[in-house]
Amino acid sequence: MSETTAPDTGTALDDADLARARDGDDAAFTRLVEPLRRELHAHCYRMLGSTHDADDALQDALLRAWRGLARFEGRSSLRSWLYTVATRTCLDSVERRGRRALPVDLSPASERTVMSDAPLTEVAWLGPYPDAGLAAGPAAPEARYEQREAVELAFVAALQHLPGNQRAVLLLFEVLGFSAAEIAETMKTSTTSVNSALARARKVLAKRVPPGTQQQSLRKIEDERLKEIVGEFTSAMERGDADALVALLTEDVTWSMPPLPHWYTGLDAVTDFLVKVPLGSCGSWRHITTSANGQPAVAGYLRAEDDGEHVGWAIDVLTLRDGRISEVTSFIGREHFVAFGLPTSLP
């Protein structure tokens, strides 16, 4: 065999596009960043807890990268450099907007159904994440969390309790597999500070994230059984069958509905809420099955009047444990349907 090896065609093309992009070719820049756009968007969501904020942050980060491409010296990969730009952009946003919350973060569970519950608009609420196209498995061999594990509701909600720098360090190290030295360069700090921030972040997550992830729980359920559970959930909601719905739930089930502040825990409280509100006073339901935050989900459409159309009401993200639903988080708002590429109404 000759000592001369063929060049890596993909790398050669990337290098050519990089040269063109530095000369102002925006089409070449788009070709460079497009394969990374999905994972960069997920990173922004993990940092910010909102799909809308992630959209804005990614757009801002790519604009910064485009304008600063001449400063990219090639000492690291383009992917690493883009994560640096995206992380710094998100840190600026965290500093301006603070953290996002779920109802369980704000008050104890309500013992009785609150019929007059009204949206709490002054709170920045955590939002659902449309995970279509998000890769499975770890982003790097060194990563501790799989990519889909790292968008699960419990994980992203726990991240919101971390200061921005700790959030960034943990994600870069545990989810993306960056080294402490690489993170120190990204964060413009020392490796000692990175390791300290990582240790503090891990302590917070250990208290707030369940020991078993949803990906682990879902792998224990056969695909057909998972479809049955979701199908039985939507069918019971549409029939108004409280008994069938309750049969799918764990004893310690929780149900929350951001931006409504009240939430319920335990089978008795959740059953009372179901009978009085979604199965009682709301109206007629229809559903479309989807996926959110690496978890099964359904889009719920509500018709309040007999002669009206079904209007997008909430994305219900289901958390499962041992083949039952242990948590339902109903993200109310038609804006979520747009982010998921779903129709906002059904005829």
C-alpha atoms as a PDB file:
ATOM      1  CA  MET A   1       0.000   0.000   0.000  1.00  0.00           C
ATOM      2  CA  SER A   2       1.238   3.470  -0.816  1.00  0.00           C
ATOM      3  CA  GLU A   3       2.275   5.699   2.088  1.00  0.00           C
ATOM      4  CA  THR A   4       0.107   8.431   0.577  1.00  0.00           C
ATOM      5  CA  THR A   5      -3.466   8.197   1.835  1.00  0.00           C
ATOM      6  CA  ALA A   6      -6.531   9.725   0.259  1.00  0.00           C
ATOM      7  CA  PRO A   7      -7.673  12.970   1.895  1.00  0.00           C
ATOM      8  CA  ASP A   8     -10.764  13.024   4.113  1.00  0.00           C
ATOM      9  CA  THR A   9     -13.268  14.303   1.547  1.00  0.00           C
ATOM     10  CA  GLY A  10     -15.662  15.669   4.170  1.00  0.00           C
ATOM     11  CA  THR A  11     -12.898  17.554   5.946  1.00  0.00           C
ATOM     12  CA  ALA A  12     -11.591  18.918   2.653  1.00  0.00           C
ATOM     13  CA  LEU A  13     -15.056  20.183   1.767  1.00  0.00           C
ATOM     14  CA  ASP A  14     -15.475  21.707   5.220  1.00  0.00           C
ATOM     15  CA  ASP A  15     -12.124  23.465   4.896  1.00  0.00           C
ATOM     16  CA  ALA A  16     -13.139  24.836   1.512  1.00  0.00           C
ATOM     17  CA  ASP A  17     -16.454  26.091   2.886  1.00  0.00           C
ATOM     18  CA  LEU A  18     -14.676  27.600   5.877  1.00  0.00           C
ATOM     19  CA  ALA A  19     -12.388  29.548   3.561  1.00  0.00           C
ATOM     20  CA  ARG A  20     -15.359  30.718   1.509  1.00  0.00           C
ATOM     21  CA  ALA A  21     -17.300  31.662   4.657  1.00  0.00           C
ATOM     22  CA  ARG A  22     -14.369  33.742   5.904  1.00  0.00           C
ATOM     23  CA  ASP A  23     -14.493  35.564   2.585  1.00  0.00           C
ATOM     24  CA  GLY A  24     -18.142  36.434   3.203  1.00  0.00           C
ATOM     25  CA  ASP A  25     -19.968  33.527   1.545  1.00  0.00           C
ATOM     26  CA  ASP A  26     -23.058  33.106   3.746  1.00  0.00           C
ATOM     27  CA  ALA A  27     -24.178  29.993   1.825  1.00  0.00           C
ATOM     28  CA  ALA A  28     -20.889  28.311   2.744  1.00  0.00           C
ATOM     29  CA  PHE A  29     -21.387  29.298   6.386  1.00  0.00           C
ATOM     30  CA  THR A  30     -24.900  27.819   6.311  1.00  0.00           C
ATOM     31  CA  ARG A  31     -23.521  24.538   4.969  1.00  0.00           C
ATOM     32  CA  LEU A  32     -20.997  24.440   7.822  1.00  0.00           C
ATOM     33  CA  VAL A  33     -23.456  25.057  10.647  1.00  0.00           C
ATOM     34  CA  GLU A  34     -26.546  23.231   9.342  1.00  0.00           C
ATOM     35  CA  PRO A  35     -25.431  19.732  10.532  1.00  0.00           C
ATOM     36  CA  LEU A  36     -24.887  21.188  14.022  1.00  0.00           C
ATOM     37  CA  ARG A  37     -28.011  23.335  14.248  1.00  0.00           C
ATOM     38  CA  ARG A  38     -30.197  20.683  15.943  1.00  0.00           C
ATOM     39  CA  GLU A  39     -27.759  19.866  18.730  1.00  0.00           C
ATOM     40  CA  LEU A  40     -26.899  23.525  19.275  1.00  0.00           C
ATOM     41  CA  HIS A  41     -30.606  24.319  19.608  1.00  0.00           C
ATOM     42  CA  ALA A  42     -30.991  21.557  22.211  1.00  0.00           C
ATOM     43  CA  HIS A  43     -28.046  23.007  24.128  1.00  0.00           C
ATOM     44  CA  CYS A  44     -29.702  26.431  24.150  1.00  0.00           C
ATOM     45  CA  TYR A  45     -32.958  24.877  25.395  1.00  0.00           C
ATOM     46  CA  ARG A  46     -31.155  23.083  28.230  1.00  0.00           C
ATOM     47  CA  MET A  47     -29.568  26.368  29.236  1.00  0.00           C
ATOM     48  CA  LEU A  48     -32.746  28.452  28.972  1.00  0.00           C
ATOM     49  CA  GLY A  49     -35.714  26.107  29.524  1.00  0.00           C
ATOM     50  CA  SER A  50     -37.737  27.616  26.676  1.00  0.00           C
ATOM     51  CA  THR A  51     -37.995  26.671  23.005  1.00  0.00           C
ATOM     52  CA  HIS A  52     -38.731  30.287  22.104  1.00  0.00           C
ATOM     53  CA  ASP A  53     -35.696  31.522  24.029  1.00  0.00           C
ATOM     54  CA  ALA A  54     -33.602  28.766  22.435  1.00  0.00           C
ATOM     55  CA  ASP A  55     -34.725  29.952  18.978  1.00  0.00           C
ATOM     56  CA  ASP A  56     -33.656  33.506  19.772  1.00  0.00           C
ATOM     57  CA  ALA A  57     -30.384  32.468  21.411  1.00  0.00           C
ATOM     58  CA  LEU A  58     -29.359  30.209  18.534  1.00  0.00           C
ATOM     59  CA  GLN A  59     -30.164  32.871  15.972  1.00  0.00           C
ATOM     60  CA  ASP A  60     -28.128  35.403  17.966  1.00  0.00           C
ATOM     61  CA  ALA A  61     -25.252  32.937  18.452  1.00  0.00           C
ATOM     62  CA  LEU A  62     -25.029  32.090  14.747  1.00  0.00           C
ATOM     63  CA  LEU A  63     -25.073  35.788  13.882  1.00  0.00           C
ATOM     64  CA  ARG A  64     -22.235  36.372  16.357  1.00  0.00           C
ATOM     65  CA  ALA A  65     -20.341  33.421  14.890  1.00  0.00           C
ATOM     66  CA  TRP A  66     -20.836  34.703  11.340  1.00  0.00           C
ATOM     67  CA  ARG A  67     -19.596  38.148  12.261  1.00  0.00           C
ATOM     68  CA  GLY A  68     -16.678  36.762  14.284  1.00  0.00           C
ATOM     69  CA  LEU A  69     -15.632  33.966  11.955  1.00  0.00           C
ATOM     70  CA  ALA A  70     -12.403  35.751  11.088  1.00  0.00           C
ATOM     71  CA  ARG A  71     -11.377  35.312  14.761  1.00  0.00           C
ATOM     72  CA  PHE A  72     -11.824  31.525  14.584  1.00  0.00           C
ATOM     73  CA  GLU A  73      -8.202  30.358  14.471  1.00  0.00           C
ATOM     74  CA  GLY A  74      -8.879  26.649  14.041  1.00  0.00           C
ATOM     75  CA  ARG A  75      -7.144  25.603  17.287  1.00  0.00           C
ATOM     76  CA  SER A  76     -10.332  23.729  18.180  1.00  0.00           C
ATOM     77  CA  SER A  77     -13.011  22.212  15.965  1.00  0.00           C
ATOM     78  CA  LEU A  78     -15.677  24.454  14.481  1.00  0.00           C
ATOM     79  CA  ARG A  79     -18.224  22.520  16.571  1.00  0.00           C
ATOM     80  CA  SER A  80     -16.378  23.371  19.817  1.00  0.00           C
ATOM     81  CA  TRP A  81     -16.092  27.002  18.810  1.00  0.00           C
ATOM     82  CA  LEU A  82     -19.803  27.238  17.975  1.00  0.00           C
ATOM     83  CA  TYR A  83     -20.665  25.725  21.373  1.00  0.00           C
ATOM     84  CA  THR A  84     -18.479  28.390  22.961  1.00  0.00           C
ATOM     85  CA  VAL A  85     -20.370  31.147  21.131  1.00  0.00           C
ATOM     86  CA  ALA A  86     -23.763  29.571  21.913  1.00  0.00           C
ATOM     87  CA  THR A  87     -22.927  29.081  25.602  1.00  0.00           C
ATOM     88  CA  ARG A  88     -21.806  32.675  26.039  1.00  0.00           C
ATOM     89  CA  THR A  89     -24.945  33.879  24.252  1.00  0.00           C
ATOM     90  CA  CYS A  90     -27.123  31.803  26.579  1.00  0.00           C
ATOM     91  CA  LEU A  91     -25.268  33.062  29.661  1.00  0.00           C
ATOM     92  CA  ASP A  92     -26.093  36.619  28.592  1.00  0.00           C
ATOM     93  CA  SER A  93     -29.756  35.595  28.316  1.00  0.00           C
ATOM     94  CA  VAL A  94     -29.756  33.853  31.721  1.00  0.00           C
ATOM     95  CA  GLU A  95     -28.357  36.998  33.301  1.00  0.00           C
ATOM     96  CA  ARG A  96     -31.157  39.084  31.774  1.00  0.00           C
ATOM     97  CA  ARG A  97     -34.114  36.746  32.259  1.00  0.00           C
ATOM     98  CA  GLY A  98     -33.325  34.547  35.259  1.00  0.00           C
ATOM     99  CA  ARG A  99     -34.573  30.971  35.624  1.00  0.00           C
ATOM    100  CA  ARG A 100     -37.755  29.268  34.492  1.00  0.00           C
ATOM    101  CA  ALA A 101     -40.070  27.402  36.838  1.00  0.00           C
ATOM    102  CA  LEU A 102     -42.756  24.740  37.069  1.00  0.00           C
ATOM    103  CA  PRO A 103     -45.711  24.963  39.483  1.00  0.00           C
ATOM    104  CA  VAL A 104     -44.032  22.467  41.834  1.00  0.00           C
ATOM    105  CA  ASP A 105     -41.220  25.012  42.325  1.00  0.00           C
ATOM    106  CA  LEU A 106     -43.550  27.729  43.610  1.00  0.00           C
ATOM    107  CA  SER A 107     -45.914  26.285  46.210  1.00  0.00           C
ATOM    108  CA  PRO A 108     -47.106  23.072  47.872  1.00  0.00           C
ATOM    109  CA  ALA A 109     -49.650  20.915  46.075  1.00  0.00           C
ATOM    110  CA  SER A 110     -53.291  21.938  46.399  1.00  0.00           C
ATOM    111  CA  GLU A 111     -55.410  19.589  48.488  1.00  0.00           C
ATOM    112  CA  ARG A 112     -58.658  20.629  46.770  1.00  0.00           C
ATOM    113  CA  THR A 113     -59.469  21.369  43.142  1.00  0.00           C
ATOM    114  CA  VAL A 114     -59.136  25.058  42.352  1.00  0.00           C
ATOM    115  CA  MET A 115     -61.931  25.855  39.887  1.00  0.00           C
ATOM    116  CA  SER A 116     -60.979  29.514  39.436  1.00  0.00           C
ATOM    117  CA  ASP A 117     -57.293  28.878  38.691  1.00  0.00           C
ATOM    118  CA  ALA A 118     -55.884  31.699  36.539  1.00  0.00           C
ATOM    119  CA  PRO A 119     -52.566  31.938  34.652  1.00  0.00           C
ATOM    120  CA  LEU A 120     -49.703  33.421  36.639  1.00  0.00           C
ATOM    121  CA  THR A 121     -48.249  35.721  34.013  1.00  0.00           C
ATOM    122  CA  GLU A 122     -45.451  37.243  36.082  1.00  0.00           C
ATOM    123  CA  VAL A 123     -43.630  33.900  36.285  1.00  0.00           C
ATOM    124  CA  ALA A 124     -41.221  32.757  33.578  1.00  0.00           C
ATOM    125  CA  TRP A 125     -42.431  29.209  33.001  1.00  0.00           C
ATOM    126  CA  LEU A 126     -40.465  26.215  31.790  1.00  0.00           C
ATOM    127  CA  GLY A 127     -41.689  25.106  28.380  1.00  0.00           C
ATOM    128  CA  PRO A 128     -41.861  21.771  26.514  1.00  0.00           C
ATOM    129  CA  TYR A 129     -39.266  20.789  23.933  1.00  0.00           C
ATOM    130  CA  PRO A 130     -40.079  19.286  20.502  1.00  0.00           C
ATOM    131  CA  ASP A 131     -37.467  16.532  20.386  1.00  0.00           C
ATOM    132  CA  ALA A 132     -38.034  15.262  16.821  1.00  0.00           C
ATOM    133  CA  GLY A 133     -34.662  14.767  15.158  1.00  0.00           C
ATOM    134  CA  LEU A 134     -32.696  14.849  18.392  1.00  0.00           C
ATOM    135  CA  ALA A 135     -30.102  12.090  18.324  1.00  0.00           C
ATOM    136  CA  ALA A 136     -30.133   9.206  20.785  1.00  0.00           C
ATOM    137  CA  GLY A 137     -27.093   8.147  22.799  1.00  0.00           C
ATOM    138  CA  PRO A 138     -24.310  10.345  24.160  1.00  0.00           C
ATOM    139  CA  ALA A 139     -22.913  13.304  22.229  1.00  0.00           C
ATOM    140  CA  ALA A 140     -19.365  12.118  23.020  1.00  0.00           C
ATOM    141  CA  PRO A 141     -17.793   9.033  24.637  1.00  0.00           C
ATOM    142  CA  GLU A 142     -16.940  11.094  27.718  1.00  0.00           C
ATOM    143  CA  ALA A 143     -20.519  12.320  28.240  1.00  0.00           C
ATOM    144  CA  ARG A 144     -22.424  11.022  31.258  1.00  0.00           C
ATOM    145  CA  TYR A 145     -25.926  11.771  29.971  1.00  0.00           C
ATOM    146  CA  GLU A 146     -27.514  10.724  26.707  1.00  0.00           C
ATOM    147  CA  GLN A 147     -28.714  13.607  24.552  1.00  0.00           C
ATOM    148  CA  ARG A 148     -32.374  12.698  25.061  1.00  0.00           C
ATOM    149  CA  GLU A 149     -31.878  12.179  28.807  1.00  0.00           C
ATOM    150  CA  ALA A 150     -30.564  15.719  28.944  1.00  0.00           C
ATOM    151  CA  VAL A 151     -33.815  17.243  27.640  1.00  0.00           C
ATOM    152  CA  GLU A 152     -36.089  15.271  29.986  1.00  0.00           C
ATOM    153  CA  LEU A 153     -38.343  17.489  32.067  1.00  0.00           C
ATOM    154  CA  ALA A 154     -36.860  16.530  35.431  1.00  0.00           C
ATOM    155  CA  PHE A 155     -33.333  17.235  34.207  1.00  0.00           C
ATOM    156  CA  VAL A 156     -34.086  20.584  32.550  1.00  0.00           C
ATOM    157  CA  ALA A 157     -36.202  21.683  35.531  1.00  0.00           C
ATOM    158  CA  ALA A 158     -33.326  20.852  37.885  1.00  0.00           C
ATOM    159  CA  LEU A 159     -30.903  22.836  35.709  1.00  0.00           C
ATOM    160  CA  GLN A 160     -33.016  25.941  36.292  1.00  0.00           C
ATOM    161  CA  HIS A 161     -32.003  25.855  39.974  1.00  0.00           C
ATOM    162  CA  LEU A 162     -28.349  26.345  39.036  1.00  0.00           C
ATOM    163  CA  PRO A 163     -26.638  29.692  38.466  1.00  0.00           C
ATOM    164  CA  GLY A 164     -25.808  30.240  34.814  1.00  0.00           C
ATOM    165  CA  ASN A 165     -22.120  29.398  35.107  1.00  0.00           C
ATOM    166  CA  GLN A 166     -22.800  26.106  36.930  1.00  0.00           C
ATOM    167  CA  ARG A 167     -25.483  25.228  34.401  1.00  0.00           C
ATOM    168  CA  ALA A 168     -23.085  25.814  31.524  1.00  0.00           C
ATOM    169  CA  VAL A 169     -20.213  23.891  33.124  1.00  0.00           C
ATOM    170  CA  LEU A 170     -22.362  20.870  33.910  1.00  0.00           C
ATOM    171  CA  LEU A 171     -23.851  20.721  30.417  1.00  0.00           C
ATOM    172  CA  LEU A 172     -20.522  21.130  28.667  1.00  0.00           C
ATOM    173  CA  PHE A 173     -18.889  18.444  30.818  1.00  0.00           C
ATOM    174  CA  GLU A 174     -21.650  15.902  31.512  1.00  0.00           C
ATOM    175  CA  VAL A 175     -23.737  16.182  28.341  1.00  0.00           C
ATOM    176  CA  LEU A 176     -21.280  17.266  25.651  1.00  0.00           C
ATOM    177  CA  GLY A 177     -18.091  15.650  26.926  1.00  0.00           C
ATOM    178  CA  PHE A 178     -15.849  18.734  26.921  1.00  0.00           C
ATOM    179  CA  SER A 179     -12.786  18.627  29.154  1.00  0.00           C
ATOM    180  CA  ALA A 180     -12.316  20.925  32.142  1.00  0.00           C
ATOM    181  CA  ALA A 181      -9.553  22.741  30.249  1.00  0.00           C
ATOM    182  CA  GLU A 182     -11.806  23.304  27.218  1.00  0.00           C
ATOM    183  CA  ILE A 183     -14.601  24.559  29.450  1.00  0.00           C
ATOM    184  CA  ALA A 184     -12.232  26.912  31.258  1.00  0.00           C
ATOM    185  CA  GLU A 185     -11.324  28.451  27.909  1.00  0.00           C
ATOM    186  CA  THR A 186     -14.986  28.746  26.945  1.00  0.00           C
ATOM    187  CA  MET A 187     -15.915  30.316  30.280  1.00  0.00           C
ATOM    188  CA  LYS A 188     -12.733  32.441  30.459  1.00  0.00           C
ATOM    189  CA  THR A 189     -11.847  31.055  33.877  1.00  0.00           C
ATOM    190  CA  SER A 190      -9.533  28.489  35.488  1.00  0.00           C
ATOM    191  CA  THR A 191      -9.864  24.688  35.544  1.00  0.00           C
ATOM    192  CA  THR A 192     -10.031  24.941  39.345  1.00  0.00           C
ATOM    193  CA  SER A 193     -13.101  27.155  39.074  1.00  0.00           C
ATOM    194  CA  VAL A 194     -14.630  24.786  36.513  1.00  0.00           C
ATOM    195  CA  ASN A 195     -14.150  21.763  38.766  1.00  0.00           C
ATOM    196  CA  SER A 196     -15.576  23.648  41.737  1.00  0.00           C
ATOM    197  CA  ALA A 197     -18.655  24.753  39.775  1.00  0.00           C
ATOM    198  CA  LEU A 198     -19.123  21.199  38.486  1.00  0.00           C
ATOM    199  CA  ALA A 199     -19.036  19.743  42.002  1.00  0.00           C
ATOM    200  CA  ARG A 200     -21.640  22.223  43.260  1.00  0.00           C
ATOM    201  CA  ALA A 201     -23.892  21.622  40.245  1.00  0.00           C
ATOM    202  CA  ARG A 202     -23.746  17.851  40.707  1.00  0.00           C
ATOM    203  CA  LYS A 203     -24.896  18.191  44.327  1.00  0.00           C
ATOM    204  CA  VAL A 204     -27.973  20.170  43.302  1.00  0.00           C
ATOM    205  CA  LEU A 205     -28.892  17.739  40.531  1.00  0.00           C
ATOM    206  CA  ALA A 206     -28.442  14.730  42.818  1.00  0.00           C
ATOM    207  CA  LYS A 207     -31.203  16.136  45.056  1.00  0.00           C
ATOM    208  CA  ARG A 208     -33.607  17.101  42.260  1.00  0.00           C
ATOM    209  CA  VAL A 209     -33.244  14.527  39.470  1.00  0.00           C
ATOM    210  CA  PRO A 210     -34.719  11.032  39.998  1.00  0.00           C
ATOM    211  CA  PRO A 211     -32.131   8.235  40.006  1.00  0.00           C
ATOM    212  CA  GLY A 212     -33.721   6.573  36.971  1.00  0.00           C
ATOM    213  CA  THR A 213     -34.119   8.534  33.738  1.00  0.00           C
ATOM    214  CA  GLN A 214     -37.121   8.388  31.457  1.00  0.00           C
ATOM    215  CA  GLN A 215     -34.992   6.804  28.748  1.00  0.00           C
ATOM    216  CA  GLN A 216     -34.203   3.948  31.138  1.00  0.00           C
ATOM    217  CA  SER A 217     -37.875   3.597  32.101  1.00  0.00           C
ATOM    218  CA  LEU A 218     -39.054   3.654  28.486  1.00  0.00           C
ATOM    219  CA  ARG A 219     -36.555   0.985  27.455  1.00  0.00           C
ATOM    220  CA  LYS A 220     -38.220  -1.376  29.961  1.00  0.00           C
ATOM    221  CA  ILE A 221     -41.575  -0.965  28.189  1.00  0.00           C
ATOM    222  CA  GLU A 222     -42.162  -2.638  24.832  1.00  0.00           C
ATOM    223  CA  ASP A 223     -43.040  -0.213  22.048  1.00  0.00           C
ATOM    224  CA  GLU A 224     -46.488  -1.725  21.590  1.00  0.00           C
ATOM    225  CA  ARG A 225     -47.267  -1.410  25.299  1.00  0.00           C
ATOM    226  CA  LEU A 226     -46.105   2.211  25.292  1.00  0.00           C
ATOM    227  CA  LYS A 227     -48.455   2.936  22.386  1.00  0.00           C
ATOM    228  CA  GLU A 228     -51.254   1.242  24.324  1.00  0.00           C
ATOM    229  CA  ILE A 229     -50.640   3.390  27.405  1.00  0.00           C
ATOM    230  CA  VAL A 230     -50.687   6.615  25.391  1.00  0.00           C
ATOM    231  CA  GLY A 231     -53.715   5.421  23.410  1.00  0.00           C
ATOM    232  CA  GLU A 232     -55.609   4.492  26.571  1.00  0.00           C
ATOM    233  CA  PHE A 233     -54.769   7.897  28.065  1.00  0.00           C
ATOM    234  CA  THR A 234     -56.151   9.818  25.082  1.00  0.00           C
ATOM    235  CA  SER A 235     -59.175   7.533  24.708  1.00  0.00           C
ATOM    236  CA  ALA A 236     -60.110   7.927  28.389  1.00  0.00           C
ATOM    237  CA  MET A 237     -59.789  11.717  28.125  1.00  0.00           C
ATOM    238  CA  GLU A 238     -61.957  11.833  25.010  1.00  0.00           C
ATOM    239  CA  ARG A 239     -64.633   9.528  26.494  1.00  0.00           C
ATOM    240  CA  GLY A 240     -64.576  11.328  29.836  1.00  0.00           C
ATOM    241  CA  ASP A 241     -63.823   7.992  31.511  1.00  0.00           C
ATOM    242  CA  ALA A 242     -62.303   8.826  34.893  1.00  0.00           C
ATOM    243  CA  ASP A 243     -61.983   5.207  36.010  1.00  0.00           C
ATOM    244  CA  ALA A 244     -60.029   4.198  32.903  1.00  0.00           C
ATOM    245  CA  LEU A 245     -57.763   7.219  33.247  1.00  0.00           C
ATOM    246  CA  VAL A 246     -57.088   6.665  36.951  1.00  0.00           C
ATOM    247  CA  ALA A 247     -56.189   3.021  36.223  1.00  0.00           C
ATOM    248  CA  LEU A 248     -53.185   4.296  34.233  1.00  0.00           C
ATOM    249  CA  LEU A 249     -51.795   6.417  37.081  1.00  0.00           C
ATOM    250  CA  THR A 250     -49.419   5.651  39.955  1.00  0.00           C
ATOM    251  CA  GLU A 251     -50.513   6.192  43.565  1.00  0.00           C
ATOM    252  CA  ASP A 252     -48.192   9.204  43.902  1.00  0.00           C
ATOM    253  CA  VAL A 253     -49.045  10.747  40.524  1.00  0.00           C
ATOM    254  CA  THR A 254     -48.668  14.516  40.075  1.00  0.00           C
ATOM    255  CA  TRP A 255     -50.531  16.749  37.611  1.00  0.00           C
ATOM    256  CA  SER A 256     -49.547  20.337  36.846  1.00  0.00           C
ATOM    257  CA  MET A 257     -50.573  22.861  34.175  1.00  0.00           C
ATOM    258  CA  PRO A 258     -48.199  25.782  33.680  1.00  0.00           C
ATOM    259  CA  PRO A 259     -48.988  28.695  33.525  1.00  0.00           C
ATOM    260  CA  LEU A 260     -51.677  27.779  36.087  1.00  0.00           C
ATOM    261  CA  PRO A 261     -49.995  27.884  39.517  1.00  0.00           C
ATOM    262  CA  HIS A 262     -51.935  25.135  41.315  1.00  0.00           C
ATOM    263  CA  TRP A 263     -50.916  21.503  41.016  1.00  0.00           C
ATOM    264  CA  TYR A 264     -52.028  18.193  42.511  1.00  0.00           C
ATOM    265  CA  THR A 265     -50.321  15.115  43.885  1.00  0.00           C
ATOM    266  CA  GLY A 266     -51.615  11.709  44.970  1.00  0.00           C
ATOM    267  CA  LEU A 267     -54.362   9.654  43.373  1.00  0.00           C
ATOM    268  CA  ASP A 268     -57.207  11.140  45.453  1.00  0.00           C
ATOM    269  CA  ALA A 269     -56.366  14.779  44.708  1.00  0.00           C
ATOM    270  CA  VAL A 270     -55.627  14.124  41.027  1.00  0.00           C
ATOM    271  CA  THR A 271     -58.834  12.110  40.598  1.00  0.00           C
ATOM    272  CA  ASP A 272     -60.904  14.896  42.150  1.00  0.00           C
ATOM    273  CA  PHE A 273     -59.254  17.394  39.805  1.00  0.00           C
ATOM    274  CA  LEU A 274     -59.810  15.196  36.737  1.00  0.00           C
ATOM    275  CA  VAL A 275     -63.494  14.654  37.483  1.00  0.00           C
ATOM    276  CA  LYS A 276     -64.165  18.343  38.120  1.00  0.00           C
ATOM    277  CA  VAL A 277     -62.034  19.999  35.439  1.00  0.00           C
ATOM    278  CA  PRO A 278     -60.729  18.238  32.288  1.00  0.00           C
ATOM    279  CA  LEU A 279     -63.371  15.494  32.372  1.00  0.00           C
ATOM    280  CA  GLY A 280     -66.088  17.665  33.870  1.00  0.00           C
ATOM    281  CA  SER A 281     -66.292  21.342  33.044  1.00  0.00           C
ATOM    282  CA  CYS A 282     -63.933  21.785  30.098  1.00  0.00           C
ATOM    283  CA  GLY A 283     -65.724  20.329  27.076  1.00  0.00           C
ATOM    284  CA  SER A 284     -64.895  17.840  24.335  1.00  0.00           C
ATOM    285  CA  TRP A 285     -61.307  16.627  23.790  1.00  0.00           C
ATOM    286  CA  ARG A 286     -59.361  15.371  20.783  1.00  0.00           C
ATOM    287  CA  HIS A 287     -55.670  14.444  20.735  1.00  0.00           C
ATOM    288  CA  ILE A 288     -52.646  14.000  18.489  1.00  0.00           C
ATOM    289  CA  THR A 289     -49.805  11.821  19.718  1.00  0.00           C
ATOM    290  CA  THR A 290     -46.377  13.458  19.724  1.00  0.00           C
ATOM    291  CA  SER A 291     -43.111  13.413  21.672  1.00  0.00           C
ATOM    292  CA  ALA A 292     -41.598  16.055  23.942  1.00  0.00           C
ATOM    293  CA  ASN A 293     -38.506  16.225  26.120  1.00  0.00           C
ATOM    294  CA  GLY A 294     -37.576  12.677  25.169  1.00  0.00           C
ATOM    295  CA  GLN A 295     -40.896  11.497  26.648  1.00  0.00           C
ATOM    296  CA  PRO A 296     -44.271  10.412  25.253  1.00  0.00           C
ATOM    297  CA  ALA A 297     -46.668  13.323  24.869  1.00  0.00           C
ATOM    298  CA  VAL A 298     -50.053  14.200  23.446  1.00  0.00           C
ATOM    299  CA  ALA A 299     -51.377  17.440  22.034  1.00  0.00           C
ATOM    300  CA  GLY A 300     -54.821  18.135  23.488  1.00  0.00           C
ATOM    301  CA  TYR A 301     -57.467  20.029  21.518  1.00  0.00           C
ATOM    302  CA  LEU A 302     -60.492  21.373  23.365  1.00  0.00           C
ATOM    303  CA  ARG A 303     -63.948  22.249  22.056  1.00  0.00           C
ATOM    304  CA  ALA A 304     -65.934  24.268  24.565  1.00  0.00           C
ATOM    305  CA  GLU A 305     -68.993  24.781  22.331  1.00  0.00           C
ATOM    306  CA  ASP A 306     -70.955  21.984  20.643  1.00  0.00           C
ATOM    307  CA  ASP A 307     -70.755  23.592  17.207  1.00  0.00           C
ATOM    308  CA  GLY A 308     -67.165  24.874  17.385  1.00  0.00           C
ATOM    309  CA  GLU A 309     -63.849  23.447  16.246  1.00  0.00           C
ATOM    310  CA  HIS A 310     -61.335  21.825  18.573  1.00  0.00           C
ATOM    311  CA  VAL A 311     -58.677  24.395  19.461  1.00  0.00           C
ATOM    312  CA  GLY A 312     -55.126  23.599  20.595  1.00  0.00           C
ATOM    313  CA  TRP A 313     -55.104  23.770  24.365  1.00  0.00           C
ATOM    314  CA  ALA A 314     -52.096  21.977  25.888  1.00  0.00           C
ATOM    315  CA  ILE A 315     -49.141  19.694  25.251  1.00  0.00           C
ATOM    316  CA  ASP A 316     -49.367  16.929  27.872  1.00  0.00           C
ATOM    317  CA  VAL A 317     -45.921  15.480  28.619  1.00  0.00           C
ATOM    318  CA  LEU A 318     -46.155  12.070  30.294  1.00  0.00           C
ATOM    319  CA  THR A 319     -43.613  10.740  32.772  1.00  0.00           C
ATOM    320  CA  LEU A 320     -43.742   6.960  33.202  1.00  0.00           C
ATOM    321  CA  ARG A 321     -42.598   4.631  35.961  1.00  0.00           C
ATOM    322  CA  ASP A 322     -43.028   0.858  36.012  1.00  0.00           C
ATOM    323  CA  GLY A 323     -45.497   0.965  33.145  1.00  0.00           C
ATOM    324  CA  ARG A 324     -47.770   3.625  34.675  1.00  0.00           C
ATOM    325  CA  ILE A 325     -48.020   7.387  34.369  1.00  0.00           C
ATOM    326  CA  SER A 326     -46.399   9.022  37.389  1.00  0.00           C
ATOM    327  CA  GLU A 327     -46.600  12.623  36.221  1.00  0.00           C
ATOM    328  CA  VAL A 328     -48.552  14.684  33.719  1.00  0.00           C
ATOM    329  CA  THR A 329     -47.306  18.163  32.875  1.00  0.00           C
ATOM    330  CA  SER A 330     -49.851  19.998  30.742  1.00  0.00           C
ATOM    331  CA  PHE A 331     -48.192  22.952  29.046  1.00  0.00           C
ATOM    332  CA  ILE A 332     -51.127  25.207  28.242  1.00  0.00           C
ATOM    333  CA  GLY A 333     -50.859  27.532  25.250  1.00  0.00           C
ATOM    334  CA  ARG A 334     -51.376  27.434  21.494  1.00  0.00           C
ATOM    335  CA  GLU A 335     -47.857  28.819  20.990  1.00  0.00           C
ATOM    336  CA  HIS A 336     -46.479  25.400  21.954  1.00  0.00           C
ATOM    337  CA  PHE A 337     -48.345  23.788  19.036  1.00  0.00           C
ATOM    338  CA  VAL A 338     -46.530  26.039  16.569  1.00  0.00           C
ATOM    339  CA  ALA A 339     -43.149  25.009  17.981  1.00  0.00           C
ATOM    340  CA  PHE A 340     -44.117  21.331  17.579  1.00  0.00           C
ATOM    341  CA  GLY A 341     -45.264  21.831  13.995  1.00  0.00           C
ATOM    342  CA  LEU A 342     -48.818  20.861  14.976  1.00  0.00           C
ATOM    343  CA  PRO A 343     -52.062  22.431  13.744  1.00  0.00           C
ATOM    344  CA  THR A 344     -53.479  24.943  16.192  1.00  0.00           C
ATOM    345  CA  SER A 345     -57.029  23.684  15.603  1.00  0.00           C
ATOM    346  CA  LEU A 346     -58.873  20.616  14.307  1.00  0.00           C
ATOM    347  CA  PRO A 347     -62.097  20.834  12.254  1.00  0.00           C
END
